[in-house]
Amino acid sequence: MASVTFEDVSKRFDANPVVSDFSLEVANGEFLVLVGPSGCGKSTALRMLAGLEDVTSGRILIGDRVVNNLAPGARDLAMVFQSYALYPHMTVYDNLAFGLRNTRVAKAEIERRVTNAAEVLDLSELIKRKPKQLSGGQRQRVALGRAIVREPAAFLMDEPLSNLDAALRVHTRAEILKLQRRLSTTTIYVTHDQVEAMTMGDRIAAMKLGVLQQVGTPEELYTRPKNVFVAGFIGSPSMNLVPAGLIEGAGSSGMLAGFRPEHVDPANGRADGPRFDAVIEVVEFLGDEQLVHLRLRDTPLLAKFDIEQRVTPGEQSTFRIPPDKLHLFDAETEEALRA
C-alpha cells in the first residue's frame, strides 16, 4: 500500500489541455473517487497515474517515488476497467493466475493468492468455469480478483460498474466497498455517476473541463459546494439554482440562490425565511416521499415532500426555504458566497 500524489500535473493533446494544474494527495488506504461529466479529464488523470498516458508537465508520486518515467509494469498498480477483458478460453482460475504466471511468481504463491481472492470475492465454486458461463456481476468479480492477486500498492478503477444493470450496480458497489475496507488498499475510483461517488468515497474530487473543482468528504461537497458546478453536479436530484431576485429575502440580482429539493417547505402561513410562489406541475409518488415539479415563472424547480403533505397539480402555492439551507453564489464567477 502507498499514498498517491499529483503535483501540478497537466496533460495536453497537441495544443488542447485535457488536465490542467492537477494537484491531489490520496492517503495510504484511502478510497478516493474522481467524479465529473464525460470529457472532464478524470480518466486521463487515472491513465497518467497508471503510466498509460505521458505527463506533459508536473510530477506523480507513488509513496515517495516519482513515477513519471516508469513503465506501467514497474509502478506496482492494479487497474480494473469498464471492460472485463477476460480471456474467454481460460477458466476463472487461469484468468486470475495469468498475470502472476507472466511475472514468474512461484506456483505455491500463485495458488495462495488465487485461492484467497476467490474466497474474498465468493468465486470459489466458479473457479473451473469459463467467462461465458458467468453472469455480468460474476465476470466483474473475476476482473476485481485479477487486480487483488497482484497485491498492489494501489487499485485504480475506471468506471468498473458501467456495464452492469441498476440493481447489480448497487450490489457490486457495496461489494467493492467491503473488499476495500477489508484489504485497506489505496483505491482511486473514476466515475461519472455522482451517486456512486457519494456512496463510495472517503473523499470525492470533482472535476470539470480538466480542472479540479473541489475535494472533500461527500458531506462537505453536498452541504458546502464551492461553486455552481459542484452544487449542481453533486446530489440527486440536483440543487435548484435560480436568480436570487426570484426568491423573496434571498438577496440581490447579482447572485444565484441555490437550495436542495428536500429543503423546500410549503409555507403554510409562515412568513419567516426566503420564500417564493410557484405552480405545482407534476407530483411523482415514490413510496416514502413525493418528488414535486414546480414552476417559478419560467424556471423549473424540484421539491421533495413526505407523503403526508398533500399537494395538487395545477395549484399555485407559497414555499419557503430555511435560511440556513440557502446557498448564494456570485452570478458572474459562480463561486460560493455563503452556504
Protein backbone atom coordinates (compact mmCIF):
# COMPACT_ATOMS: atom_id res chain seq x y z
CA MET A 1 0.00 0.00 0.00
CA ALA A 2 1.10 3.55 -0.64
CA SER A 3 -0.06 7.12 -0.91
CA VAL A 4 -0.51 8.76 -4.33
CA THR A 5 0.33 12.39 -5.09
CA PHE A 6 -0.29 14.55 -8.16
CA GLU A 7 1.81 17.73 -8.18
CA ASP A 8 0.64 20.37 -10.70
CA VAL A 9 0.08 17.70 -13.32
CA SER A 10 -1.06 18.77 -16.78
CA LYS A 11 -1.82 16.85 -19.95
CA ARG A 12 -2.20 18.30 -23.43
CA PHE A 13 -3.01 16.59 -26.70
CA ASP A 14 -1.36 18.82 -29.28
CA ALA A 15 -2.32 22.30 -28.05
CA ASN A 16 -5.50 21.16 -26.32
CA PRO A 17 -5.41 20.98 -22.50
CA VAL A 18 -7.14 17.88 -21.12
CA VAL A 19 -5.95 18.12 -17.50
CA SER A 20 -4.63 21.41 -16.09
CA ASP A 21 -2.52 22.01 -12.95
CA PHE A 22 -3.98 18.98 -11.20
CA SER A 23 -2.79 18.66 -7.59
CA LEU A 24 -4.17 15.99 -5.29
CA GLU A 25 -2.96 13.85 -2.39
CA VAL A 26 -4.51 10.44 -1.78
CA ALA A 27 -3.65 8.99 1.62
CA ASN A 28 -2.44 5.46 2.19
CA GLY A 29 -5.50 3.20 2.42
CA GLU A 30 -7.95 5.91 1.29
CA PHE A 31 -10.83 5.32 -1.14
CA LEU A 32 -10.91 8.44 -3.34
CA VAL A 33 -13.44 8.96 -6.13
CA LEU A 34 -12.70 11.13 -9.16
CA VAL A 35 -16.06 12.32 -10.47
CA GLY A 36 -17.24 14.56 -13.26
CA PRO A 37 -19.08 14.57 -16.59
CA SER A 38 -17.73 12.85 -19.68
CA GLY A 39 -14.66 14.63 -21.04
CA CYS A 40 -13.68 16.29 -17.74
CA GLY A 41 -10.23 14.60 -17.63
CA LYS A 42 -10.82 12.13 -14.80
CA SER A 43 -9.90 9.00 -16.81
CA THR A 44 -6.89 10.80 -18.29
CA ALA A 45 -5.65 11.58 -14.77
CA LEU A 46 -6.02 7.90 -13.86
CA ARG A 47 -4.25 6.77 -17.03
CA MET A 48 -1.34 9.12 -16.33
CA LEU A 49 -1.01 7.58 -12.89
CA ALA A 50 -1.08 4.10 -14.43
CA GLY A 51 1.56 5.04 -16.99
CA LEU A 52 -0.80 4.62 -19.96
CA GLU A 53 -0.55 8.33 -20.83
CA ASP A 54 2.54 10.54 -20.66
CA VAL A 55 2.54 13.54 -18.33
CA THR A 56 3.01 16.86 -20.14
CA SER A 57 4.15 18.66 -17.00
CA GLY A 58 4.19 18.14 -13.24
CA ARG A 59 5.02 15.08 -11.13
CA ILE A 60 3.21 11.95 -10.00
CA LEU A 61 4.42 10.12 -6.91
CA ILE A 62 3.51 6.70 -5.53
CA GLY A 63 4.68 6.81 -1.95
CA ASP A 64 7.84 8.93 -2.13
CA ARG A 65 8.83 7.65 -5.59
CA VAL A 66 8.38 9.83 -8.69
CA VAL A 67 6.92 7.56 -11.38
CA ASN A 68 6.64 9.87 -14.40
CA ASN A 69 9.24 7.90 -16.36
CA LEU A 70 8.50 4.43 -15.02
CA ALA A 71 6.89 1.82 -17.26
CA PRO A 72 3.35 0.79 -16.25
CA GLY A 73 4.53 -2.61 -15.05
CA ALA A 74 7.06 -1.04 -12.69
CA ARG A 75 4.52 1.12 -10.82
CA ASP A 76 3.02 -1.65 -8.65
CA LEU A 77 -0.57 -0.72 -9.55
CA ALA A 78 -3.54 -2.88 -10.50
CA MET A 79 -6.25 -1.49 -12.77
CA VAL A 80 -9.87 -2.53 -13.27
CA PHE A 81 -11.52 -1.22 -16.44
CA GLN A 82 -15.08 -0.80 -17.64
CA SER A 83 -14.46 -3.77 -19.92
CA TYR A 84 -13.89 -7.03 -18.06
CA ALA A 85 -11.20 -8.04 -20.61
CA LEU A 86 -11.22 -11.69 -19.51
CA TYR A 87 -9.63 -14.41 -21.58
CA PRO A 88 -12.63 -16.37 -22.92
CA HIS A 89 -10.75 -19.66 -23.38
CA MET A 90 -9.41 -19.67 -19.79
CA THR A 91 -11.11 -20.75 -16.58
CA VAL A 92 -11.68 -18.34 -13.73
CA TYR A 93 -8.62 -19.79 -12.00
CA ASP A 94 -6.41 -19.27 -15.04
CA ASN A 95 -7.72 -15.72 -15.60
CA LEU A 96 -6.80 -14.90 -12.00
CA ALA A 97 -3.40 -16.58 -12.23
CA PHE A 98 -2.38 -15.34 -15.70
CA GLY A 99 -0.62 -12.13 -14.65
CA LEU A 100 1.22 -13.85 -11.82
CA ARG A 101 2.48 -16.58 -14.13
CA ASN A 102 3.77 -13.96 -16.56
CA THR A 103 5.82 -12.38 -13.78
CA ARG A 104 7.11 -15.83 -12.74
CA VAL A 105 5.59 -15.90 -9.29
CA ALA A 106 6.16 -19.27 -7.62
CA LYS A 107 3.41 -21.85 -8.16
CA ALA A 108 2.63 -22.19 -4.45
CA GLU A 109 2.34 -18.41 -4.10
CA ILE A 110 0.00 -18.26 -7.11
CA GLU A 111 -2.17 -20.93 -5.51
CA ARG A 112 -2.29 -18.98 -2.25
CA ARG A 113 -3.18 -15.67 -3.85
CA VAL A 114 -5.78 -17.08 -6.26
CA THR A 115 -7.45 -19.15 -3.54
CA ASN A 116 -7.56 -16.15 -1.22
CA ALA A 117 -9.01 -13.85 -3.91
CA ALA A 118 -11.62 -16.44 -4.86
CA GLU A 119 -12.72 -16.73 -1.23
CA VAL A 120 -12.86 -12.95 -0.74
CA LEU A 121 -14.97 -12.49 -3.89
CA ASP A 122 -17.16 -15.58 -3.44
CA LEU A 123 -15.76 -17.18 -6.60
CA SER A 124 -14.57 -20.49 -5.12
CA GLU A 125 -17.43 -22.52 -6.61
CA LEU A 126 -16.92 -20.89 -10.03
CA ILE A 127 -13.16 -21.45 -10.24
CA LYS A 128 -13.36 -24.01 -13.07
CA ARG A 129 -15.88 -22.14 -15.19
CA LYS A 130 -15.10 -20.03 -18.25
CA PRO A 131 -16.32 -16.44 -18.67
CA LYS A 132 -19.21 -17.37 -20.98
CA GLN A 133 -20.66 -19.43 -18.12
CA LEU A 134 -20.70 -16.42 -15.76
CA SER A 135 -23.13 -13.56 -15.24
CA GLY A 136 -22.05 -9.95 -15.71
CA GLY A 137 -21.62 -9.48 -11.98
CA GLN A 138 -19.54 -12.64 -11.68
CA ARG A 139 -17.31 -11.54 -14.56
CA GLN A 140 -16.77 -8.20 -12.87
CA ARG A 141 -15.76 -10.00 -9.68
CA VAL A 142 -13.21 -12.00 -11.67
CA ALA A 143 -11.81 -8.73 -13.06
CA LEU A 144 -11.55 -7.44 -9.49
CA GLY A 145 -9.89 -10.67 -8.43
CA ARG A 146 -7.28 -10.32 -11.12
CA ALA A 147 -6.35 -6.98 -9.52
CA ILE A 148 -6.42 -8.36 -5.97
CA VAL A 149 -3.96 -11.20 -6.65
CA ARG A 150 -1.38 -8.63 -7.67
CA GLU A 151 -1.34 -7.31 -4.07
CA PRO A 152 -0.51 -3.86 -5.46
CA ALA A 153 0.33 -0.55 -3.82
CA ALA A 154 -2.98 0.86 -5.14
CA PHE A 155 -6.08 -0.14 -7.07
CA LEU A 156 -7.17 2.03 -10.00
CA MET A 157 -10.78 1.57 -11.13
CA ASP A 158 -12.10 3.24 -14.27
CA GLU A 159 -15.93 3.08 -14.30
CA PRO A 160 -15.91 -0.64 -13.46
CA LEU A 161 -19.70 -0.89 -12.99
CA SER A 162 -20.85 0.81 -16.19
CA ASN A 163 -21.77 -2.47 -17.92
CA LEU A 164 -23.98 -3.72 -15.09
CA ASP A 165 -27.73 -3.20 -14.70
CA ALA A 166 -29.00 -0.84 -12.00
CA ALA A 167 -29.70 -3.44 -9.31
CA LEU A 168 -26.39 -5.22 -9.86
CA ARG A 169 -24.53 -1.91 -9.75
CA VAL A 170 -25.88 -1.24 -6.26
CA HIS A 171 -24.93 -4.72 -5.08
CA THR A 172 -21.46 -4.67 -6.66
CA ARG A 173 -20.51 -1.21 -5.37
CA ALA A 174 -21.30 -2.47 -1.87
CA GLU A 175 -19.09 -5.49 -2.51
CA ILE A 176 -16.24 -3.26 -3.74
CA LEU A 177 -16.53 -1.13 -0.61
CA LYS A 178 -16.46 -4.14 1.71
CA LEU A 179 -13.48 -5.50 -0.21
CA GLN A 180 -11.57 -2.23 0.03
CA ARG A 181 -12.28 -1.93 3.74
CA ARG A 182 -11.04 -5.49 4.24
CA LEU A 183 -7.84 -5.05 2.23
CA SER A 184 -7.18 -1.39 3.23
CA THR A 185 -5.61 -0.80 -0.16
CA THR A 186 -5.35 2.73 -1.56
CA THR A 187 -8.05 2.99 -4.22
CA ILE A 188 -8.75 5.65 -6.85
CA TYR A 189 -12.12 5.15 -8.48
CA VAL A 190 -13.30 7.04 -11.57
CA THR A 191 -17.00 7.53 -12.32
CA HIS A 192 -19.40 10.00 -13.91
CA ASP A 193 -22.13 8.76 -11.57
CA GLN A 194 -22.38 11.12 -8.61
CA VAL A 195 -24.47 8.59 -6.64
CA GLU A 196 -21.54 6.15 -6.83
CA ALA A 197 -19.23 8.95 -5.76
CA MET A 198 -21.39 9.93 -2.79
CA THR A 199 -21.90 6.39 -1.53
CA MET A 200 -18.39 5.00 -2.07
CA GLY A 201 -15.75 7.64 -1.49
CA ASP A 202 -13.94 8.55 1.72
CA ARG A 203 -13.37 11.74 -0.26
CA ILE A 204 -14.54 13.00 -3.64
CA ALA A 205 -12.53 15.01 -6.15
CA ALA A 206 -14.91 16.77 -8.57
CA MET A 207 -13.55 17.77 -11.99
CA LYS A 208 -14.80 19.97 -14.82
CA LEU A 209 -13.05 20.58 -18.15
CA GLY A 210 -9.75 19.22 -16.84
CA VAL A 211 -9.73 21.40 -13.72
CA LEU A 212 -10.14 20.14 -10.17
CA GLN A 213 -13.11 22.00 -8.67
CA GLN A 214 -13.35 20.73 -5.08
CA VAL A 215 -12.00 17.93 -2.90
CA GLY A 216 -13.66 16.82 0.31
CA THR A 217 -15.87 14.28 2.00
CA PRO A 218 -19.24 13.52 0.40
CA GLU A 219 -20.90 15.55 3.15
CA GLU A 220 -18.64 18.55 2.52
CA LEU A 221 -19.37 18.63 -1.21
CA TYR A 222 -23.08 18.17 -0.60
CA THR A 223 -23.52 20.73 2.18
CA ARG A 224 -20.78 23.23 1.28
CA PRO A 225 -20.24 23.26 -2.51
CA LYS A 226 -17.55 25.73 -3.55
CA ASN A 227 -19.19 26.74 -6.81
CA VAL A 228 -22.24 26.35 -9.04
CA PHE A 229 -20.80 23.33 -10.87
CA VAL A 230 -20.31 21.28 -7.70
CA ALA A 231 -23.68 22.42 -6.34
CA GLY A 232 -25.46 21.27 -9.48
CA PHE A 233 -23.49 18.09 -10.10
CA ILE A 234 -23.47 16.59 -6.60
CA GLY A 235 -26.84 15.44 -5.31
CA SER A 236 -29.75 13.54 -6.85
CA PRO A 237 -31.94 15.34 -7.72
CA SER A 238 -29.50 18.20 -8.13
CA MET A 239 -29.66 21.54 -6.32
CA ASN A 240 -32.15 24.14 -7.56
CA LEU A 241 -30.31 27.21 -8.87
CA VAL A 242 -32.21 30.42 -9.69
CA PRO A 243 -31.51 34.17 -9.82
CA ALA A 244 -31.67 35.36 -6.22
CA GLY A 245 -34.10 38.11 -7.20
CA LEU A 246 -36.80 35.47 -7.78
CA ILE A 247 -36.65 34.38 -4.13
CA GLU A 248 -38.08 36.89 -1.66
CA GLY A 249 -35.49 37.53 1.05
CA ALA A 250 -32.64 35.76 -0.78
CA GLY A 251 -30.56 38.72 -1.88
CA SER A 252 -29.71 40.93 -4.84
CA SER A 253 -29.96 40.16 -8.55
CA GLY A 254 -26.17 39.82 -8.75
CA MET A 255 -26.40 36.47 -7.04
CA LEU A 256 -27.66 32.98 -7.69
CA ALA A 257 -29.69 31.25 -4.99
CA GLY A 258 -29.27 27.52 -4.51
CA PHE A 259 -31.35 25.15 -2.41
CA ARG A 260 -31.82 21.38 -2.29
CA PRO A 261 -35.23 19.85 -3.18
CA GLU A 262 -35.53 18.38 0.32
CA HIS A 263 -35.15 21.86 1.82
CA VAL A 264 -38.24 23.29 0.11
CA ASP A 265 -41.17 23.52 2.56
CA PRO A 266 -44.78 24.57 2.00
CA ALA A 267 -45.06 27.95 3.72
CA ASN A 268 -48.34 27.02 5.45
CA GLY A 269 -48.82 30.63 6.53
CA ARG A 270 -45.28 31.07 7.88
CA ALA A 271 -43.64 34.36 6.95
CA ASP A 272 -40.07 33.65 8.08
CA GLY A 273 -37.22 32.74 5.74
CA PRO A 274 -36.72 33.13 1.99
CA ARG A 275 -39.91 32.34 0.07
CA PHE A 276 -41.35 32.11 -3.42
CA ASP A 277 -44.66 31.47 -5.19
CA ALA A 278 -44.71 28.63 -7.72
CA VAL A 279 -47.14 26.47 -9.67
CA ILE A 280 -47.25 22.74 -8.92
CA GLU A 281 -46.94 20.99 -12.30
CA VAL A 282 -46.35 17.28 -11.61
CA VAL A 283 -46.27 15.12 -8.49
CA GLU A 284 -44.30 11.85 -8.59
CA PHE A 285 -45.21 9.37 -5.85
CA LEU A 286 -42.08 7.44 -4.82
CA GLY A 287 -43.48 5.38 -1.95
CA ASP A 288 -41.79 7.02 1.01
CA GLU A 289 -41.74 10.54 -0.48
CA GLN A 290 -43.05 12.73 -3.27
CA LEU A 291 -40.96 14.46 -5.94
CA VAL A 292 -42.81 17.64 -6.83
CA HIS A 293 -42.11 19.55 -10.05
CA LEU A 294 -42.67 23.28 -9.61
CA ARG A 295 -42.50 26.24 -11.98
CA LEU A 296 -41.34 29.63 -10.76
CA ARG A 297 -42.16 31.96 -13.68
CA ASP A 298 -40.14 30.28 -16.47
CA THR A 299 -37.83 28.35 -14.13
CA PRO A 300 -38.46 24.65 -13.29
CA LEU A 301 -37.75 23.61 -9.70
CA LEU A 302 -37.90 20.37 -7.75
CA ALA A 303 -39.08 19.76 -4.20
CA LYS A 304 -39.18 16.63 -2.04
CA PHE A 305 -42.07 16.24 0.39
CA ASP A 306 -43.09 13.43 2.68
CA ILE A 307 -46.21 11.52 1.63
CA GLU A 308 -48.39 13.12 4.31
CA GLN A 309 -48.03 16.54 2.65
CA ARG A 310 -50.98 16.99 0.28
CA VAL A 311 -50.19 18.82 -2.97
CA THR A 312 -52.27 19.04 -6.14
CA PRO A 313 -51.01 19.61 -9.70
CA GLY A 314 -52.20 22.92 -11.14
CA GLU A 315 -52.27 24.76 -7.82
CA GLN A 316 -50.15 27.81 -7.08
CA SER A 317 -48.71 27.91 -3.60
CA THR A 318 -46.10 29.65 -1.48
CA PHE A 319 -42.95 27.78 -0.46
CA ARG A 320 -40.16 28.66 1.95
CA ILE A 321 -36.51 27.72 2.38
CA PRO A 322 -34.91 27.51 5.84
CA PRO A 323 -32.37 30.37 5.96
CA ASP A 324 -29.51 28.04 6.93
CA LYS A 325 -30.19 25.86 3.87
CA LEU A 326 -29.91 28.64 1.30
CA HIS A 327 -26.68 28.82 -0.74
CA LEU A 328 -25.62 32.02 -2.50
CA PHE A 329 -23.24 32.20 -5.46
CA ASP A 330 -21.74 35.12 -7.34
CA ALA A 331 -23.66 35.23 -10.64
CA GLU A 332 -20.53 36.18 -12.60
CA THR A 333 -17.81 33.98 -11.12
CA GLU A 334 -20.21 31.22 -9.96
CA GLU A 335 -18.16 30.89 -6.74
CA ALA A 336 -19.93 30.34 -3.44
CA LEU A 337 -20.52 33.44 -1.34
CA ARG A 338 -22.23 31.84 1.60
CA ALA A 339 -23.72 28.46 2.48
